[in-house]
Amino acid sequence: MVLPMRAANGVTISVIVPIYNVEAYLRTCVDSILAQTHKDLDVILVDDGSTDECPAICDGYAARDARVRVVHKANGGLSDARNAGLDIVASPFVGFVDADDWVEPEMFETLLTLLQDNDSDIAVCNFSYVSATEGSTDAPSVPHAVTLSQRPAMRLLLRDEIVQNYVWNKLYRTRLWDGVRFPLGKAYEDIPTTWRVFAQAHSVTLSPWVGYHYRMRDGSIVHLPRLEQQLDCAIAFLDRYEALADAYPECEGKMALGVVRAMEAVWKIAWRNRALAASDRAPQMRRLAAFARHHANDPSLVTYATKRGVTGKARLRLLSKASRPAYLATSLLEHAYRTKHPRSSQRTGECISRSA
């Protein structure tokens, strides 16, 4: 059910908020959106079958503020919720905010100004990681605002360092989403989606200003990663590599490294799954192993392995084998590396995922 939009005239920006069982954080999120200095908003709250108080909280906002619309739907996951919001967007610009995060009051005004002043299709601000135990840390960013044409912007996205795959710290011209939707039933849905939107943008403006706050909480980040989710991540990186390596040869090595690091996260936990070899996921494991065999001598991967010492080199060999002994050996080598390098901050390839 979609509550009707009551103040459509003049709405400039649609903000899609996918929601599932986040009653403790939802008010902070929605209040930060409604407090924007840019007032012309169409806030689309997508209740993805929540079983807590989220549906009532959403309806309360819609009753009090004409800028809020609510979609109540059966649970279909984060991708399905975002897609439901995209399907009813009627504004020329669209952004996303996850329901357990929050934004600065000037975020959407700042992004819209950057986008319009530079005639860009996408505007990107920086964001912070916020942990209850470790405080707030700003993500890497550009030193000053800059506008890039499509190819340089795509190169930065594919390197996933200064411009990350996350969909939410950005404002888009809505037309970029024509024909683009998030994949259903998959974790790490931003990886196979964001590059497709960037591919349709003629220019992208980047800002170092921190406008978005990403809440790192136990219920949203997989601290003990599940195999299914990590495998979705690795396959998403592999699909992206196969789609773009020829078109962006200057990023080929970096994209290959992304696949390998995601594979390491899969291999080191796969040994726990005794039924994996007979499951419908086994072909994906074999596909990843074939990639590792084919790219074993790539310079970027050799450099990566060398920096990690003998454990890195051994793991590259193990990744070419989709077998339980190879998975177990990878896990043991990871433990040995962590024991030798306890201060290493690199979490080997593990992706983070919001539960939905």
Protein backbone atom coordinates (compact mmCIF):
# COMPACT_ATOMS: atom_id res chain seq x y z
CA MET A 1 0.00 0.00 0.00
CA VAL A 2 1.29 3.47 -0.90
CA LEU A 3 -0.06 6.48 0.95
CA PRO A 4 -0.83 9.26 -1.55
CA MET A 5 1.58 12.10 -2.14
CA ARG A 6 -0.16 15.28 -0.98
CA ALA A 7 2.25 18.05 -1.97
CA ALA A 8 3.74 16.96 -5.26
CA ASN A 9 4.01 20.41 -6.79
CA GLY A 10 7.51 21.83 -6.51
CA VAL A 11 9.10 18.67 -5.09
CA THR A 12 12.71 18.61 -6.24
CA ILE A 13 14.37 15.69 -4.48
CA SER A 14 13.01 12.24 -3.67
CA VAL A 15 14.70 10.45 -0.77
CA ILE A 16 14.20 6.69 -0.56
CA VAL A 17 14.53 5.06 2.89
CA PRO A 18 14.34 1.22 2.96
CA ILE A 19 13.18 0.08 6.41
CA TYR A 20 13.21 -3.25 8.19
CA ASN A 21 13.04 -3.69 11.97
CA VAL A 22 15.09 -0.63 12.93
CA GLU A 23 12.70 1.03 15.38
CA ALA A 24 15.57 2.11 17.63
CA TYR A 25 17.17 4.18 14.88
CA LEU A 26 14.36 5.13 12.51
CA ARG A 27 13.32 8.39 14.14
CA THR A 28 16.89 9.72 14.15
CA CYS A 29 17.14 8.91 10.44
CA VAL A 30 13.81 10.41 9.34
CA ASP A 31 14.14 13.46 11.58
CA SER A 32 17.51 14.23 9.98
CA ILE A 33 15.92 14.09 6.52
CA LEU A 34 12.91 16.23 7.40
CA ALA A 35 15.24 18.81 9.00
CA GLN A 36 17.00 19.44 5.70
CA THR A 37 17.66 23.04 4.74
CA HIS A 38 16.33 22.09 1.32
CA LYS A 39 12.63 21.82 2.09
CA ASP A 40 11.25 20.58 -1.24
CA LEU A 41 11.42 16.86 -0.51
CA ASP A 42 9.49 13.72 -1.38
CA VAL A 43 10.47 11.32 1.41
CA ILE A 44 9.58 7.74 0.49
CA LEU A 45 9.63 5.42 3.51
CA VAL A 46 9.54 1.81 2.33
CA ASP A 47 8.46 -0.52 5.14
CA ASP A 48 9.78 -3.89 4.00
CA GLY A 49 7.51 -6.06 6.12
CA SER A 50 8.85 -4.90 9.48
CA THR A 51 7.61 -6.83 12.52
CA ASP A 52 8.47 -4.15 15.09
CA GLU A 53 7.04 -0.63 15.50
CA CYS A 54 8.49 0.69 12.22
CA PRO A 55 5.17 0.54 10.28
CA ALA A 56 3.42 2.68 12.91
CA ILE A 57 6.35 5.08 13.11
CA CYS A 58 6.26 5.52 9.32
CA ASP A 59 2.52 6.16 9.27
CA GLY A 60 2.93 8.71 12.06
CA TYR A 61 5.42 10.70 10.01
CA ALA A 62 3.11 10.59 6.97
CA ALA A 63 0.21 11.88 9.08
CA ARG A 64 2.28 14.81 10.36
CA ASP A 65 4.27 15.83 7.28
CA ALA A 66 2.83 16.07 3.77
CA ARG A 67 6.28 15.45 2.28
CA VAL A 68 6.30 11.85 3.54
CA ARG A 69 4.90 8.90 1.62
CA VAL A 70 4.87 5.35 2.98
CA VAL A 71 5.04 2.06 1.12
CA HIS A 72 4.02 -1.01 3.14
CA LYS A 73 5.09 -4.25 1.47
CA ALA A 74 5.94 -7.85 2.22
CA ASN A 75 9.55 -8.48 3.16
CA GLY A 76 11.69 -8.80 0.05
CA GLY A 77 15.08 -7.54 1.19
CA LEU A 78 17.00 -4.30 0.82
CA SER A 79 17.13 -4.39 -2.99
CA ASP A 80 13.40 -4.98 -3.31
CA ALA A 81 12.66 -2.13 -0.90
CA ARG A 82 14.86 0.33 -2.77
CA ASN A 83 13.33 -0.78 -6.07
CA ALA A 84 9.83 -0.20 -4.69
CA GLY A 85 10.86 3.36 -3.90
CA LEU A 86 12.44 3.92 -7.30
CA ASP A 87 9.25 2.72 -8.99
CA ILE A 88 7.23 5.65 -7.60
CA VAL A 89 9.80 8.46 -7.81
CA ALA A 90 8.38 11.46 -9.65
CA SER A 91 11.09 14.03 -8.90
CA PRO A 92 14.02 14.97 -11.16
CA PHE A 93 16.55 14.09 -8.44
CA VAL A 94 16.78 11.10 -6.13
CA GLY A 95 18.90 10.04 -3.16
CA PHE A 96 18.99 7.19 -0.68
CA VAL A 97 19.38 7.03 3.10
CA ASP A 98 19.53 3.74 5.02
CA ALA A 99 17.15 3.67 7.96
CA ASP A 100 19.80 3.26 10.67
CA ASP A 101 21.98 6.12 9.38
CA TRP A 102 21.50 9.89 9.49
CA VAL A 103 22.47 12.93 7.44
CA GLU A 104 23.63 16.47 8.10
CA PRO A 105 20.92 19.17 7.73
CA GLU A 106 22.65 20.67 4.67
CA MET A 107 23.34 17.41 2.86
CA PHE A 108 20.77 17.50 0.10
CA GLU A 109 20.99 21.26 -0.42
CA THR A 110 24.76 20.95 -0.73
CA LEU A 111 24.58 18.05 -3.17
CA LEU A 112 21.89 19.74 -5.27
CA THR A 113 23.93 22.95 -5.46
CA LEU A 114 27.03 21.03 -6.52
CA LEU A 115 25.05 19.14 -9.12
CA GLN A 116 23.31 22.17 -10.60
CA ASP A 117 26.26 24.59 -10.45
CA ASN A 118 28.48 22.12 -12.29
CA ASP A 119 25.79 20.71 -14.60
CA SER A 120 26.60 17.22 -13.29
CA ASP A 121 24.47 14.10 -13.22
CA ILE A 122 25.70 12.85 -9.84
CA ALA A 123 26.98 14.70 -6.77
CA VAL A 124 28.91 12.84 -4.06
CA CYS A 125 29.73 13.94 -0.51
CA ASN A 126 32.03 12.26 1.96
CA PHE A 127 30.73 10.20 4.88
CA SER A 128 31.78 8.94 8.30
CA TYR A 129 31.79 5.46 9.79
CA VAL A 130 30.25 5.70 13.27
CA SER A 131 30.83 2.95 15.82
CA ALA A 132 29.49 2.83 19.36
CA THR A 133 32.84 1.47 20.54
CA GLU A 134 35.34 3.17 18.24
CA GLY A 135 33.78 6.57 17.58
CA SER A 136 33.60 8.29 14.18
CA THR A 137 36.06 7.98 11.29
CA ASP A 138 35.80 9.90 8.02
CA ALA A 139 36.16 7.90 4.82
CA PRO A 140 38.93 8.77 2.31
CA SER A 141 37.92 11.56 -0.03
CA VAL A 142 39.12 14.17 -2.50
CA PRO A 143 41.06 17.15 -1.02
CA HIS A 144 38.64 19.67 -2.53
CA ALA A 145 35.49 19.72 -4.64
CA VAL A 146 36.08 18.59 -8.22
CA THR A 147 33.96 17.73 -11.25
CA LEU A 148 35.02 14.79 -13.38
CA SER A 149 33.84 13.57 -16.74
CA GLN A 150 32.36 10.09 -16.97
CA ARG A 151 35.52 8.06 -17.54
CA PRO A 152 37.69 9.52 -14.73
CA ALA A 153 34.72 9.26 -12.36
CA MET A 154 34.19 5.63 -13.31
CA ARG A 155 37.88 4.91 -12.76
CA LEU A 156 37.65 6.23 -9.20
CA LEU A 157 34.51 4.17 -8.56
CA LEU A 158 36.13 0.98 -9.87
CA ARG A 159 39.12 1.52 -7.59
CA ASP A 160 36.62 1.81 -4.68
CA GLU A 161 38.85 4.05 -2.58
CA ILE A 162 37.97 7.75 -2.88
CA VAL A 163 34.61 7.02 -4.52
CA GLN A 164 32.96 4.00 -2.96
CA ASN A 165 30.25 1.72 -4.30
CA TYR A 166 27.76 2.80 -1.64
CA VAL A 167 24.59 4.22 -3.15
CA TRP A 168 23.64 6.50 -0.29
CA ASN A 169 26.12 9.41 -0.06
CA LYS A 170 25.11 10.62 -3.51
CA LEU A 171 22.43 12.61 -5.30
CA TYR A 172 21.41 11.48 -8.78
CA ARG A 173 19.42 12.80 -11.67
CA THR A 174 16.51 10.38 -11.64
CA ARG A 175 16.77 9.62 -15.35
CA LEU A 176 20.03 7.76 -14.71
CA TRP A 177 17.97 5.03 -13.05
CA ASP A 178 15.89 4.34 -16.15
CA GLY A 179 16.35 0.62 -16.72
CA VAL A 180 18.57 0.21 -13.64
CA ARG A 181 17.38 -1.61 -10.51
CA PHE A 182 19.02 -3.41 -7.60
CA PRO A 183 19.39 -7.20 -7.96
CA LEU A 184 16.89 -9.15 -5.91
CA GLY A 185 17.90 -11.70 -3.31
CA LYS A 186 21.57 -10.69 -3.24
CA ALA A 187 23.75 -9.11 -0.60
CA TYR A 188 26.12 -6.25 -1.53
CA GLU A 189 23.56 -4.95 -3.99
CA ASP A 190 25.44 -1.66 -4.44
CA ILE A 191 28.41 -3.32 -6.18
CA PRO A 192 26.52 -4.49 -9.30
CA THR A 193 24.31 -1.38 -9.38
CA THR A 194 26.27 1.82 -8.75
CA TRP A 195 28.65 1.39 -11.69
CA ARG A 196 25.69 1.00 -14.05
CA VAL A 197 24.37 4.39 -12.93
CA PHE A 198 27.83 6.00 -13.20
CA ALA A 199 28.11 4.60 -16.73
CA GLN A 200 25.15 6.76 -17.76
CA ALA A 201 26.42 9.99 -16.17
CA HIS A 202 28.24 12.53 -18.34
CA SER A 203 29.93 14.08 -15.27
CA VAL A 204 30.19 13.60 -11.50
CA THR A 205 30.99 16.21 -8.83
CA LEU A 206 32.85 15.10 -5.69
CA SER A 207 33.08 16.96 -2.37
CA PRO A 208 35.18 16.19 0.73
CA TRP A 209 32.45 17.58 2.98
CA VAL A 210 31.02 14.94 5.34
CA GLY A 211 27.24 14.94 4.97
CA TYR A 212 26.32 11.31 5.67
CA HIS A 213 26.87 9.17 8.78
CA TYR A 214 27.01 5.40 8.38
CA ARG A 215 26.13 3.63 11.63
CA MET A 216 28.20 0.49 12.22
CA ARG A 217 26.09 -1.77 14.40
CA ASP A 218 26.05 -5.49 15.13
CA GLY A 219 22.70 -5.99 13.45
CA SER A 220 23.75 -4.40 10.17
CA ILE A 221 27.38 -5.38 9.67
CA VAL A 222 28.34 -9.02 9.46
CA HIS A 223 31.15 -9.26 12.00
CA LEU A 224 31.24 -13.05 11.54
CA PRO A 225 30.51 -13.11 7.81
CA ARG A 226 28.07 -15.67 6.46
CA LEU A 227 29.20 -17.68 3.47
CA GLU A 228 26.16 -16.79 1.36
CA GLN A 229 26.72 -13.07 1.80
CA GLN A 230 30.46 -13.17 1.20
CA LEU A 231 29.92 -15.29 -1.91
CA ASP A 232 27.43 -12.72 -3.23
CA CYS A 233 30.13 -10.10 -2.73
CA ALA A 234 32.81 -12.09 -4.59
CA ILE A 235 30.47 -12.88 -7.49
CA ALA A 236 29.43 -9.21 -7.72
CA PHE A 237 33.09 -8.18 -8.03
CA LEU A 238 33.70 -10.93 -10.60
CA ASP A 239 30.67 -9.91 -12.68
CA ARG A 240 31.86 -6.30 -12.61
CA TYR A 241 35.35 -7.35 -13.66
CA GLU A 242 34.01 -9.34 -16.61
CA ALA A 243 31.73 -6.49 -17.68
CA LEU A 244 34.30 -3.68 -17.49
CA ALA A 245 37.89 -5.01 -17.64
CA ASP A 246 38.15 -4.60 -21.41
CA ALA A 247 36.54 -1.14 -21.40
CA TYR A 248 38.73 0.09 -18.51
CA PRO A 249 42.10 -1.66 -18.92
CA GLU A 250 43.73 0.90 -16.62
CA CYS A 251 41.55 -0.48 -13.78
CA GLU A 252 41.86 -4.16 -14.68
CA GLY A 253 44.45 -4.94 -12.02
CA LYS A 254 42.54 -3.14 -9.28
CA MET A 255 39.31 -4.90 -10.21
CA ALA A 256 41.07 -8.29 -10.28
CA LEU A 257 42.47 -7.59 -6.83
CA GLY A 258 38.97 -6.81 -5.58
CA VAL A 259 37.80 -10.22 -6.78
CA VAL A 260 40.72 -12.01 -5.11
CA ARG A 261 40.33 -10.24 -1.78
CA ALA A 262 36.62 -11.05 -1.75
CA MET A 263 37.47 -14.67 -2.62
CA GLU A 264 39.82 -14.89 0.35
CA ALA A 265 36.96 -13.96 2.66
CA VAL A 266 34.85 -16.71 1.09
CA TRP A 267 37.53 -19.41 1.15
CA LYS A 268 38.49 -18.88 4.77
CA ILE A 269 34.94 -19.55 6.02
CA ALA A 270 33.79 -22.05 3.36
CA TRP A 271 35.38 -25.03 5.12
CA ARG A 272 32.62 -24.85 7.75
CA ASN A 273 29.99 -25.70 5.12
CA ARG A 274 30.24 -29.45 4.55
CA ALA A 275 27.35 -29.41 2.07
CA LEU A 276 28.84 -26.70 -0.15
CA ALA A 277 30.19 -29.07 -2.82
CA ALA A 278 26.69 -30.42 -3.45
CA SER A 279 24.84 -27.10 -3.17
CA ASP A 280 23.61 -24.77 -5.90
CA ARG A 281 26.46 -22.44 -4.90
CA ALA A 282 29.16 -24.92 -5.96
CA PRO A 283 29.22 -23.68 -9.60
CA GLN A 284 29.92 -20.16 -8.33
CA MET A 285 32.84 -21.44 -6.26
CA ARG A 286 34.26 -23.23 -9.30
CA ARG A 287 33.81 -20.08 -11.38
CA LEU A 288 35.79 -18.07 -8.85
CA ALA A 289 38.52 -20.74 -8.69
CA ALA A 290 38.82 -20.63 -12.48
CA PHE A 291 39.32 -16.87 -12.28
CA ALA A 292 42.14 -17.35 -9.76
CA ARG A 293 43.85 -19.91 -11.97
CA HIS A 294 43.59 -17.70 -15.03
CA HIS A 295 44.94 -14.61 -13.25
CA ALA A 296 47.55 -16.21 -10.98
CA ASN A 297 50.39 -14.32 -12.69
CA ASP A 298 48.73 -10.90 -12.93
CA PRO A 299 51.24 -8.26 -11.70
CA SER A 300 48.78 -6.66 -9.26
CA LEU A 301 48.03 -10.01 -7.66
CA VAL A 302 51.68 -11.00 -7.47
CA THR A 303 52.47 -7.67 -5.80
CA TYR A 304 49.62 -8.18 -3.34
CA ALA A 305 50.83 -11.70 -2.51
CA THR A 306 54.41 -10.55 -2.06
CA LYS A 307 53.39 -7.84 0.40
CA ARG A 308 51.56 -10.44 2.46
CA GLY A 309 54.55 -12.77 2.54
CA VAL A 310 54.41 -16.53 2.17
CA THR A 311 50.82 -16.72 3.43
CA GLY A 312 49.68 -14.43 0.63
CA LYS A 313 51.45 -16.43 -2.06
CA ALA A 314 50.14 -19.71 -0.69
CA ARG A 315 46.60 -18.36 -0.52
CA LEU A 316 46.67 -17.32 -4.16
CA ARG A 317 47.47 -20.92 -5.05
CA LEU A 318 44.71 -22.21 -2.79
CA LEU A 319 42.13 -19.92 -4.37
CA SER A 320 42.46 -21.85 -7.62
CA LYS A 321 41.05 -24.94 -5.90
CA ALA A 322 37.37 -25.11 -4.98
CA SER A 323 37.72 -27.86 -2.38
CA ARG A 324 37.22 -28.16 1.36
CA PRO A 325 40.93 -28.82 2.08
CA ALA A 326 41.78 -25.61 0.21
CA TYR A 327 39.15 -23.70 2.21
CA LEU A 328 40.49 -25.04 5.52
CA ALA A 329 44.09 -24.29 4.56
CA THR A 330 43.11 -20.73 3.65
CA SER A 331 41.49 -20.27 7.05
CA LEU A 332 44.61 -21.60 8.82
CA LEU A 333 46.89 -19.33 6.80
CA GLU A 334 44.71 -16.33 7.63
CA HIS A 335 44.96 -17.20 11.32
CA ALA A 336 48.74 -17.52 11.02
CA TYR A 337 49.01 -14.16 9.26
CA ARG A 338 46.87 -12.43 11.90
CA THR A 339 48.97 -13.96 14.66
CA LYS A 340 52.15 -12.64 13.06
CA HIS A 341 50.65 -9.24 12.20
CA PRO A 342 48.20 -8.49 15.05
CA ARG A 343 48.12 -4.77 14.29
CA SER A 344 47.13 -5.22 10.67
CA SER A 345 43.93 -3.29 10.06
CA GLN A 346 43.05 -5.05 6.82
CA ARG A 347 40.05 -7.32 7.07
CA THR A 348 40.87 -9.69 4.28
CA GLY A 349 38.36 -8.88 1.61
CA GLU A 350 35.33 -9.07 3.89
CA CYS A 351 32.38 -7.07 2.65
CA ILE A 352 29.86 -5.37 4.89
CA SER A 353 26.15 -5.80 4.44
CA ARG A 354 22.99 -4.35 5.88
CA SER A 355 20.49 -6.94 7.06
CA ALA A 356 17.09 -6.77 5.41
